[in-house]
């Protein structure tokens, strides 16, 4: 059985839908069901679900707000992944941890690869990089996936923003000629 943390988020909901379509046993827990920054909640989720694989799709994702909410970003992107990874080690279960390309500074002229040095330039990227380190330190059996964007039916995302119809120029307050 696959246990997914972050079940109400974009990725968690898409994983739930994909699992159901393929008849894969999967349980996705929302933050209300299992806050990843709460050791007891994570421990209880492992005890009740007894997973064979864990996916951490939970995260603090407010890139801009992370600058003024660094502790919230740390809780969701560093502490939570560390707690999940420790629980995975204790249960002998592999972890798939979702991270971001924000761990890089964006200065490389070609594509980034796994071994490239990280150099986050903002609080969000630093919190995600710290989460990656925490996962690596807590469990040998992990896969860290870095993504640029998450697209899906649920929630807000860049693609939906770009596809939103725009009002005619005159309708948004531009002076008419």
N, C-alpha and C. Protein backbone atom coordinates (compact mmCIF):
# COMPACT_ATOMS: atom_id res chain seq x y z
N UNK A 1 0.83 -1.17 0.00
CA UNK A 1 0.00 0.00 0.00
C UNK A 1 0.88 1.25 0.00
N UNK A 2 0.52 2.20 -0.83
CA UNK A 2 1.25 3.46 -0.91
C UNK A 2 0.56 4.48 -0.01
N UNK A 3 1.37 5.14 0.81
CA UNK A 3 0.87 6.20 1.69
C UNK A 3 1.36 7.53 1.14
N UNK A 4 0.43 8.43 0.87
CA UNK A 4 0.76 9.75 0.33
C UNK A 4 0.42 10.80 1.38
N UNK A 5 1.42 11.58 1.75
CA UNK A 5 1.19 12.75 2.60
C UNK A 5 0.96 13.94 1.68
N UNK A 6 0.04 14.83 2.05
CA UNK A 6 -0.31 15.96 1.19
C UNK A 6 -1.46 15.60 0.27
N UNK A 7 -2.37 14.79 0.76
CA UNK A 7 -3.45 14.25 -0.05
C UNK A 7 -4.44 15.26 -0.60
N UNK A 8 -4.55 16.44 -0.01
CA UNK A 8 -5.48 17.45 -0.52
C UNK A 8 -4.82 18.43 -1.48
N UNK A 9 -3.52 18.31 -1.68
CA UNK A 9 -2.83 19.20 -2.60
C UNK A 9 -2.99 18.74 -4.04
N UNK A 10 -2.47 19.55 -4.95
CA UNK A 10 -2.57 19.23 -6.37
C UNK A 10 -2.01 17.85 -6.69
N UNK A 11 -0.78 17.62 -6.27
CA UNK A 11 -0.13 16.35 -6.58
C UNK A 11 -0.80 15.19 -5.85
N UNK A 12 -1.11 15.38 -4.59
CA UNK A 12 -1.77 14.32 -3.83
C UNK A 12 -3.09 13.90 -4.45
N UNK A 13 -3.85 14.86 -4.91
CA UNK A 13 -5.14 14.54 -5.54
C UNK A 13 -4.96 13.84 -6.87
N UNK A 14 -3.95 14.24 -7.64
CA UNK A 14 -3.68 13.57 -8.92
C UNK A 14 -3.16 12.14 -8.68
N UNK A 15 -2.33 11.96 -7.66
CA UNK A 15 -1.86 10.61 -7.34
C UNK A 15 -3.02 9.72 -6.91
N UNK A 16 -3.94 10.27 -6.14
CA UNK A 16 -5.12 9.52 -5.71
C UNK A 16 -5.94 9.09 -6.92
N UNK A 17 -6.16 10.02 -7.83
CA UNK A 17 -6.94 9.70 -9.03
C UNK A 17 -6.23 8.65 -9.88
N UNK A 18 -4.93 8.80 -10.06
CA UNK A 18 -4.17 7.83 -10.87
C UNK A 18 -4.16 6.45 -10.21
N UNK A 19 -4.00 6.43 -8.89
CA UNK A 19 -4.02 5.16 -8.18
C UNK A 19 -5.35 4.45 -8.32
N UNK A 20 -6.44 5.19 -8.19
CA UNK A 20 -7.77 4.60 -8.33
C UNK A 20 -7.99 4.06 -9.74
N UNK A 21 -7.56 4.82 -10.75
CA UNK A 21 -7.74 4.39 -12.14
C UNK A 21 -6.97 3.10 -12.44
N UNK A 22 -5.86 2.91 -11.75
CA UNK A 22 -5.02 1.72 -11.98
C UNK A 22 -5.23 0.65 -10.91
N UNK A 23 -6.18 0.89 -10.04
CA UNK A 23 -6.50 -0.02 -8.93
C UNK A 23 -5.27 -0.32 -8.07
N UNK A 24 -4.51 0.72 -7.79
CA UNK A 24 -3.34 0.61 -6.92
C UNK A 24 -3.76 0.98 -5.51
N UNK A 25 -3.48 0.13 -4.54
CA UNK A 25 -3.84 0.48 -3.16
C UNK A 25 -3.05 1.71 -2.70
N UNK A 26 -3.77 2.77 -2.42
CA UNK A 26 -3.14 4.04 -2.08
C UNK A 26 -4.03 4.78 -1.10
N UNK A 27 -3.43 5.31 -0.06
CA UNK A 27 -4.14 6.16 0.89
C UNK A 27 -3.45 7.51 0.91
N UNK A 28 -4.21 8.56 0.64
CA UNK A 28 -3.67 9.92 0.65
C UNK A 28 -4.25 10.65 1.85
N UNK A 29 -3.37 11.16 2.70
CA UNK A 29 -3.78 11.85 3.91
C UNK A 29 -3.59 13.36 3.77
N UNK A 30 -4.58 14.10 4.16
CA UNK A 30 -4.50 15.56 4.14
C UNK A 30 -3.71 16.04 5.36
N UNK A 31 -3.43 17.29 5.39
CA UNK A 31 -2.74 17.88 6.55
C UNK A 31 -3.58 17.73 7.82
N UNK A 32 -4.90 17.85 7.69
CA UNK A 32 -5.78 17.69 8.85
C UNK A 32 -5.72 16.25 9.38
N UNK A 33 -5.49 15.30 8.51
CA UNK A 33 -5.42 13.90 8.92
C UNK A 33 -4.05 13.52 9.46
N UNK A 34 -3.00 14.14 8.93
CA UNK A 34 -1.63 13.84 9.37
C UNK A 34 -0.72 15.00 8.99
N UNK A 35 -0.53 15.92 9.91
CA UNK A 35 0.37 17.05 9.71
C UNK A 35 1.81 16.51 9.75
N UNK A 36 2.54 16.67 8.67
CA UNK A 36 3.89 16.07 8.60
C UNK A 36 4.88 16.67 9.58
N UNK A 37 4.57 17.83 10.14
CA UNK A 37 5.48 18.42 11.12
C UNK A 37 5.19 17.91 12.54
N UNK A 38 4.25 16.99 12.65
CA UNK A 38 3.85 16.41 13.94
C UNK A 38 4.28 14.94 13.98
N UNK A 39 5.33 14.64 14.75
CA UNK A 39 5.87 13.28 14.83
C UNK A 39 4.80 12.24 15.21
N UNK A 40 3.96 12.60 16.16
CA UNK A 40 2.93 11.67 16.60
C UNK A 40 1.95 11.37 15.48
N UNK A 41 1.53 12.39 14.75
CA UNK A 41 0.59 12.19 13.65
C UNK A 41 1.19 11.31 12.56
N UNK A 42 2.47 11.53 12.25
CA UNK A 42 3.13 10.71 11.22
C UNK A 42 3.28 9.27 11.72
N UNK A 43 3.69 9.11 12.95
CA UNK A 43 3.82 7.77 13.54
C UNK A 43 2.49 7.01 13.50
N UNK A 44 1.41 7.70 13.85
CA UNK A 44 0.08 7.09 13.83
C UNK A 44 -0.35 6.72 12.41
N UNK A 45 -0.01 7.56 11.44
CA UNK A 45 -0.33 7.25 10.04
C UNK A 45 0.38 5.98 9.59
N UNK A 46 1.65 5.85 9.96
CA UNK A 46 2.40 4.64 9.61
C UNK A 46 1.79 3.41 10.29
N UNK A 47 1.44 3.55 11.56
CA UNK A 47 0.89 2.42 12.31
C UNK A 47 -0.46 1.97 11.74
N UNK A 48 -1.30 2.91 11.36
CA UNK A 48 -2.62 2.54 10.86
C UNK A 48 -2.61 2.09 9.41
N UNK A 49 -1.71 2.63 8.60
CA UNK A 49 -1.70 2.33 7.17
C UNK A 49 -0.73 1.22 6.78
N UNK A 50 0.33 1.05 7.54
CA UNK A 50 1.36 0.04 7.27
C UNK A 50 1.79 0.04 5.79
N UNK A 51 2.33 1.17 5.34
CA UNK A 51 2.67 1.31 3.92
C UNK A 51 3.88 0.48 3.50
N UNK A 52 3.93 0.20 2.19
CA UNK A 52 5.11 -0.42 1.61
C UNK A 52 5.93 0.62 0.84
N UNK A 53 5.34 1.79 0.62
CA UNK A 53 6.00 2.92 -0.04
C UNK A 53 5.33 4.19 0.46
N UNK A 54 6.13 5.24 0.66
CA UNK A 54 5.59 6.53 1.09
C UNK A 54 5.97 7.59 0.06
N UNK A 55 5.01 8.45 -0.26
CA UNK A 55 5.26 9.60 -1.13
C UNK A 55 4.98 10.85 -0.32
N UNK A 56 5.97 11.74 -0.25
CA UNK A 56 5.76 13.02 0.42
C UNK A 56 5.42 14.06 -0.64
N UNK A 57 4.12 14.30 -0.79
CA UNK A 57 3.64 15.34 -1.69
C UNK A 57 3.21 16.58 -0.91
N UNK A 58 3.45 16.56 0.40
CA UNK A 58 3.11 17.70 1.26
C UNK A 58 4.26 18.69 1.24
N UNK A 59 3.92 19.97 1.26
CA UNK A 59 4.96 21.00 1.27
C UNK A 59 4.35 22.37 1.50
N UNK A 60 5.18 23.27 1.94
CA UNK A 60 4.85 24.69 1.96
C UNK A 60 5.22 25.19 0.57
N UNK A 61 4.25 25.71 -0.19
CA UNK A 61 4.50 26.04 -1.59
C UNK A 61 4.36 27.51 -1.95
N UNK A 62 4.22 28.37 -0.95
CA UNK A 62 4.04 29.80 -1.21
C UNK A 62 5.42 30.46 -1.38
N UNK A 63 5.95 30.36 -2.58
CA UNK A 63 7.32 30.80 -2.86
C UNK A 63 7.58 32.22 -2.38
N UNK A 64 6.75 33.15 -2.76
CA UNK A 64 6.98 34.55 -2.38
C UNK A 64 6.80 34.79 -0.89
N UNK A 65 5.78 34.17 -0.30
CA UNK A 65 5.52 34.37 1.13
C UNK A 65 6.59 33.73 2.02
N UNK A 66 7.33 32.79 1.49
CA UNK A 66 8.38 32.14 2.29
C UNK A 66 9.39 33.16 2.81
N UNK A 67 9.55 34.27 2.11
CA UNK A 67 10.49 35.30 2.55
C UNK A 67 10.04 35.94 3.87
N UNK A 68 8.73 36.02 4.07
CA UNK A 68 8.21 36.61 5.32
C UNK A 68 7.67 35.55 6.27
N UNK A 69 7.59 34.31 5.81
CA UNK A 69 7.12 33.20 6.63
C UNK A 69 8.15 32.06 6.64
N UNK A 70 9.42 32.37 6.95
CA UNK A 70 10.45 31.33 6.83
C UNK A 70 10.24 30.14 7.77
N UNK A 71 9.64 30.38 8.93
CA UNK A 71 9.41 29.26 9.86
C UNK A 71 8.34 28.32 9.33
N UNK A 72 7.31 28.86 8.72
CA UNK A 72 6.28 28.02 8.12
C UNK A 72 6.88 27.19 6.98
N UNK A 73 7.74 27.83 6.17
CA UNK A 73 8.42 27.11 5.08
C UNK A 73 9.32 26.01 5.64
N UNK A 74 10.02 26.30 6.73
CA UNK A 74 10.90 25.31 7.35
C UNK A 74 10.09 24.13 7.89
N UNK A 75 8.98 24.41 8.52
CA UNK A 75 8.13 23.34 9.06
C UNK A 75 7.67 22.40 7.95
N UNK A 76 7.17 22.96 6.86
CA UNK A 76 6.63 22.15 5.77
C UNK A 76 7.65 21.53 4.85
N UNK A 77 8.79 22.19 4.69
CA UNK A 77 9.76 21.75 3.69
C UNK A 77 11.02 21.11 4.24
N UNK A 78 11.29 21.29 5.52
CA UNK A 78 12.47 20.69 6.14
C UNK A 78 12.09 19.75 7.28
N UNK A 79 11.41 20.27 8.28
CA UNK A 79 11.06 19.45 9.44
C UNK A 79 10.14 18.29 9.06
N UNK A 80 9.07 18.58 8.32
CA UNK A 80 8.13 17.53 7.91
C UNK A 80 8.80 16.41 7.14
N UNK A 81 9.57 16.72 6.09
CA UNK A 81 10.26 15.66 5.37
C UNK A 81 11.22 14.86 6.26
N UNK A 82 11.88 15.52 7.22
CA UNK A 82 12.78 14.81 8.14
C UNK A 82 11.98 13.81 8.97
N UNK A 83 10.83 14.23 9.46
CA UNK A 83 9.99 13.34 10.28
C UNK A 83 9.51 12.15 9.46
N UNK A 84 9.06 12.40 8.24
CA UNK A 84 8.61 11.31 7.38
C UNK A 84 9.76 10.36 7.08
N UNK A 85 10.93 10.90 6.75
CA UNK A 85 12.08 10.05 6.42
C UNK A 85 12.50 9.20 7.62
N UNK A 86 12.47 9.78 8.81
CA UNK A 86 12.79 8.99 10.01
C UNK A 86 11.79 7.86 10.21
N UNK A 87 10.51 8.15 9.98
CA UNK A 87 9.49 7.12 10.11
C UNK A 87 9.68 6.03 9.06
N UNK A 88 10.08 6.42 7.86
CA UNK A 88 10.36 5.44 6.80
C UNK A 88 11.50 4.52 7.21
N UNK A 89 12.55 5.10 7.78
CA UNK A 89 13.68 4.29 8.24
C UNK A 89 13.22 3.30 9.30
N UNK A 90 12.45 3.78 10.25
CA UNK A 90 11.96 2.91 11.31
C UNK A 90 11.08 1.78 10.80
N UNK A 91 10.33 2.03 9.75
CA UNK A 91 9.42 1.03 9.20
C UNK A 91 10.06 0.21 8.07
N UNK A 92 11.27 0.60 7.66
CA UNK A 92 11.92 -0.10 6.55
C UNK A 92 11.20 0.10 5.22
N UNK A 93 10.71 1.33 5.02
CA UNK A 93 9.90 1.65 3.85
C UNK A 93 10.61 2.72 3.02
N UNK A 94 10.65 2.58 1.69
CA UNK A 94 11.26 3.63 0.87
C UNK A 94 10.38 4.88 0.79
N UNK A 95 11.04 6.01 0.53
CA UNK A 95 10.37 7.30 0.46
C UNK A 95 10.63 7.96 -0.89
N UNK A 96 9.57 8.45 -1.50
CA UNK A 96 9.66 9.33 -2.67
C UNK A 96 9.34 10.72 -2.16
N UNK A 97 10.31 11.62 -2.27
CA UNK A 97 10.16 12.98 -1.76
C UNK A 97 10.15 13.95 -2.94
N UNK A 98 9.14 14.80 -2.99
CA UNK A 98 9.01 15.76 -4.09
C UNK A 98 9.68 17.07 -3.67
N UNK A 99 10.60 17.53 -4.51
CA UNK A 99 11.30 18.78 -4.26
C UNK A 99 11.11 19.71 -5.45
N UNK A 100 12.02 20.61 -5.65
CA UNK A 100 11.84 21.67 -6.65
C UNK A 100 13.16 22.09 -7.28
N UNK A 101 13.06 22.69 -8.45
CA UNK A 101 14.24 23.26 -9.09
C UNK A 101 14.66 24.57 -8.43
N UNK A 102 13.89 25.06 -7.48
CA UNK A 102 14.28 26.27 -6.74
C UNK A 102 15.49 26.03 -5.85
N UNK A 103 15.98 24.80 -5.78
CA UNK A 103 17.22 24.56 -5.04
C UNK A 103 18.42 25.05 -5.86
N UNK A 104 18.19 25.38 -7.12
CA UNK A 104 19.24 25.94 -7.98
C UNK A 104 19.05 27.44 -8.11
N UNK A 105 20.12 28.12 -8.53
CA UNK A 105 20.04 29.58 -8.65
C UNK A 105 19.58 30.05 -10.03
N UNK A 106 19.46 29.14 -11.00
CA UNK A 106 18.97 29.49 -12.33
C UNK A 106 20.01 30.08 -13.25
N UNK A 107 21.25 30.07 -12.85
CA UNK A 107 22.30 30.70 -13.68
C UNK A 107 22.92 29.78 -14.71
N UNK A 108 22.69 28.49 -14.59
CA UNK A 108 23.26 27.53 -15.53
C UNK A 108 22.61 27.71 -16.91
N UNK A 109 23.40 27.66 -17.95
CA UNK A 109 22.89 27.92 -19.29
C UNK A 109 22.21 26.73 -19.93
N UNK A 110 22.50 25.52 -19.45
CA UNK A 110 21.81 24.36 -19.99
C UNK A 110 21.05 23.67 -18.86
N UNK A 111 20.52 22.51 -19.14
CA UNK A 111 19.66 21.83 -18.17
C UNK A 111 20.45 21.39 -16.94
N UNK A 112 19.80 21.47 -15.81
CA UNK A 112 20.39 20.97 -14.57
C UNK A 112 20.27 19.46 -14.54
N UNK A 113 21.25 18.81 -13.91
CA UNK A 113 21.21 17.36 -13.70
C UNK A 113 21.37 17.09 -12.21
N UNK A 114 21.11 15.85 -11.83
CA UNK A 114 21.07 15.48 -10.43
C UNK A 114 22.30 15.90 -9.63
N UNK A 115 23.47 15.78 -10.22
CA UNK A 115 24.70 16.04 -9.49
C UNK A 115 25.14 17.49 -9.44
N UNK A 116 24.42 18.37 -10.10
CA UNK A 116 24.79 19.78 -10.08
C UNK A 116 24.71 20.34 -8.66
N UNK A 117 25.64 21.22 -8.32
CA UNK A 117 25.58 21.82 -6.99
C UNK A 117 24.35 22.70 -6.85
N UNK A 118 23.78 22.67 -5.66
CA UNK A 118 22.61 23.51 -5.41
C UNK A 118 23.07 24.87 -4.88
N UNK A 119 22.25 25.86 -5.12
CA UNK A 119 22.55 27.22 -4.66
C UNK A 119 21.24 28.00 -4.61
N UNK A 120 20.35 27.66 -3.68
CA UNK A 120 19.07 28.36 -3.63
C UNK A 120 19.26 29.84 -3.32
N UNK A 121 18.41 30.66 -3.93
CA UNK A 121 18.56 32.12 -3.75
C UNK A 121 17.45 32.74 -2.90
N UNK A 122 16.48 31.96 -2.47
CA UNK A 122 15.39 32.50 -1.65
C UNK A 122 15.06 31.57 -0.51
N UNK A 123 14.21 32.04 0.38
CA UNK A 123 13.82 31.25 1.56
C UNK A 123 13.13 29.95 1.17
N UNK A 124 12.29 30.00 0.15
CA UNK A 124 11.60 28.79 -0.30
C UNK A 124 12.63 27.75 -0.77
N UNK A 125 13.53 28.13 -1.65
CA UNK A 125 14.54 27.21 -2.16
C UNK A 125 15.44 26.68 -1.05
N UNK A 126 15.80 27.56 -0.11
CA UNK A 126 16.64 27.11 1.01
C UNK A 126 15.90 26.08 1.87
N UNK A 127 14.60 26.29 2.08
CA UNK A 127 13.83 25.34 2.89
C UNK A 127 13.69 24.00 2.17
N UNK A 128 13.53 24.03 0.86
CA UNK A 128 13.43 22.78 0.10
C UNK A 128 14.78 22.06 0.07
N UNK A 129 15.87 22.80 -0.07
CA UNK A 129 17.21 22.19 -0.04
C UNK A 129 17.47 21.56 1.32
N UNK A 130 17.06 22.22 2.38
CA UNK A 130 17.23 21.68 3.73
C UNK A 130 16.40 20.40 3.88
N UNK A 131 15.22 20.36 3.28
CA UNK A 131 14.40 19.16 3.30
C UNK A 131 15.06 18.00 2.59
N UNK A 132 15.68 18.28 1.45
CA UNK A 132 16.41 17.23 0.72
C UNK A 132 17.53 16.67 1.60
N UNK A 133 18.29 17.56 2.24
CA UNK A 133 19.37 17.11 3.13
C UNK A 133 18.83 16.25 4.26
N UNK A 134 17.73 16.68 4.84
CA UNK A 134 17.12 15.93 5.95
C UNK A 134 16.70 14.54 5.50
N UNK A 135 16.13 14.43 4.32
CA UNK A 135 15.72 13.12 3.79
C UNK A 135 16.94 12.23 3.59
N UNK A 136 17.98 12.79 2.95
CA UNK A 136 19.20 12.00 2.70
C UNK A 136 19.84 11.52 4.01
N UNK A 137 19.80 12.36 5.04
CA UNK A 137 20.41 12.00 6.31
C UNK A 137 19.60 10.97 7.07
N UNK A 138 18.28 10.98 6.91
CA UNK A 138 17.42 10.12 7.72
C UNK A 138 17.17 8.74 7.12
N UNK A 139 17.25 8.63 5.79
CA UNK A 139 16.96 7.33 5.18
C UNK A 139 17.81 7.10 3.94
N UNK A 140 18.34 5.90 3.83
CA UNK A 140 19.09 5.53 2.63
C UNK A 140 18.15 5.24 1.47
N UNK A 141 16.96 4.78 1.79
CA UNK A 141 16.02 4.32 0.77
C UNK A 141 15.06 5.45 0.39
N UNK A 142 15.56 6.31 -0.49
CA UNK A 142 14.76 7.46 -0.91
C UNK A 142 15.00 7.78 -2.37
N UNK A 143 14.06 8.48 -2.93
CA UNK A 143 14.18 9.05 -4.26
C UNK A 143 13.69 10.48 -4.13
N UNK A 144 14.53 11.43 -4.51
CA UNK A 144 14.14 12.84 -4.48
C UNK A 144 13.88 13.27 -5.91
N UNK A 145 12.67 13.75 -6.15
CA UNK A 145 12.29 14.22 -7.48
C UNK A 145 12.14 15.73 -7.43
N UNK A 146 12.89 16.41 -8.30
CA UNK A 146 12.78 17.88 -8.38
C UNK A 146 11.93 18.22 -9.60
N UNK A 147 10.96 19.07 -9.38
CA UNK A 147 10.08 19.47 -10.46
C UNK A 147 10.05 20.99 -10.57
N UNK A 148 9.76 21.47 -11.76
CA UNK A 148 9.63 22.91 -11.96
C UNK A 148 8.21 23.36 -11.68
N UNK A 149 7.26 22.65 -12.21
CA UNK A 149 5.86 23.02 -12.06
C UNK A 149 5.04 21.76 -11.85
N UNK A 150 3.94 21.92 -11.15
CA UNK A 150 2.96 20.86 -11.01
C UNK A 150 1.71 21.34 -11.74
N UNK A 151 1.22 20.53 -12.66
CA UNK A 151 0.01 20.86 -13.39
C UNK A 151 -1.03 19.80 -13.09
N UNK A 152 -2.26 20.20 -13.00
CA UNK A 152 -3.31 19.23 -12.80
C UNK A 152 -4.67 19.88 -12.78
N UNK A 153 -5.67 19.04 -12.66
CA UNK A 153 -7.05 19.51 -12.64
C UNK A 153 -7.35 20.31 -11.38
N UNK A 154 -6.72 19.94 -10.28
CA UNK A 154 -7.07 20.50 -8.98
C UNK A 154 -6.16 21.67 -8.61
N UNK A 155 -6.70 22.61 -7.87
CA UNK A 155 -5.89 23.69 -7.32
C UNK A 155 -5.48 24.73 -8.35
N UNK A 156 -4.62 25.64 -7.90
CA UNK A 156 -4.11 26.70 -8.77
C UNK A 156 -2.74 26.27 -9.29
N UNK A 157 -2.46 26.64 -10.54
CA UNK A 157 -1.14 26.37 -11.09
C UNK A 157 -0.88 27.32 -12.25
N UNK A 158 0.36 27.34 -12.67
CA UNK A 158 0.80 28.27 -13.71
C UNK A 158 0.01 28.08 -15.01
N UNK A 159 -0.20 26.84 -15.43
CA UNK A 159 -0.91 26.58 -16.68
C UNK A 159 -2.32 27.14 -16.63
N UNK A 160 -3.03 26.92 -15.55
CA UNK A 160 -4.39 27.46 -15.44
C UNK A 160 -4.38 28.98 -15.49
N UNK A 161 -3.39 29.59 -14.87
CA UNK A 161 -3.29 31.05 -14.90
C UNK A 161 -3.11 31.54 -16.33
N UNK A 162 -2.25 30.88 -17.09
CA UNK A 162 -1.98 31.31 -18.46
C UNK A 162 -3.16 31.05 -19.39
N UNK A 163 -3.97 30.05 -19.10
CA UNK A 163 -5.11 29.72 -19.95
C UNK A 163 -6.37 30.52 -19.60
N UNK A 164 -6.34 31.24 -18.50
CA UNK A 164 -7.49 32.03 -18.08
C UNK A 164 -7.79 33.08 -19.15
N UNK A 165 -9.06 33.21 -19.54
CA UNK A 165 -9.38 34.22 -20.56
C UNK A 165 -9.15 35.63 -20.02
N UNK A 166 -8.64 36.46 -20.87
CA UNK A 166 -8.38 37.85 -20.49
C UNK A 166 -9.53 38.74 -20.96
N UNK A 167 -9.79 39.76 -20.18
CA UNK A 167 -10.83 40.73 -20.54
C UNK A 167 -10.28 41.64 -21.63
N UNK A 168 -11.15 42.18 -22.47
CA UNK A 168 -10.68 43.15 -23.48
C UNK A 168 -10.01 44.32 -22.78
N UNK A 169 -9.07 44.96 -23.46
CA UNK A 169 -8.30 46.04 -22.86
C UNK A 169 -9.20 47.12 -22.29
N UNK A 170 -10.22 47.53 -22.98
CA UNK A 170 -11.13 48.57 -22.49
C UNK A 170 -11.86 48.17 -21.22
N UNK A 171 -11.99 46.87 -20.99
CA UNK A 171 -12.75 46.39 -19.83
C UNK A 171 -11.94 46.42 -18.56
N UNK A 172 -10.62 46.63 -18.66
CA UNK A 172 -9.82 46.62 -17.43
C UNK A 172 -9.35 48.03 -17.06
N UNK A 173 -10.01 49.02 -17.54
CA UNK A 173 -9.73 50.37 -17.08
C UNK A 173 -8.79 51.17 -17.95
N UNK A 174 -8.44 50.66 -19.12
CA UNK A 174 -7.59 51.45 -20.01
C UNK A 174 -8.42 52.56 -20.62
N UNK A 175 -7.81 53.73 -20.80
CA UNK A 175 -8.58 54.81 -21.43
C UNK A 175 -8.92 54.45 -22.87
N UNK A 176 -10.12 54.76 -23.28
CA UNK A 176 -10.50 54.46 -24.67
C UNK A 176 -10.09 55.64 -25.54
N UNK A 177 -9.83 55.33 -26.76
CA UNK A 177 -9.41 56.38 -27.70
C UNK A 177 -10.56 56.92 -28.49
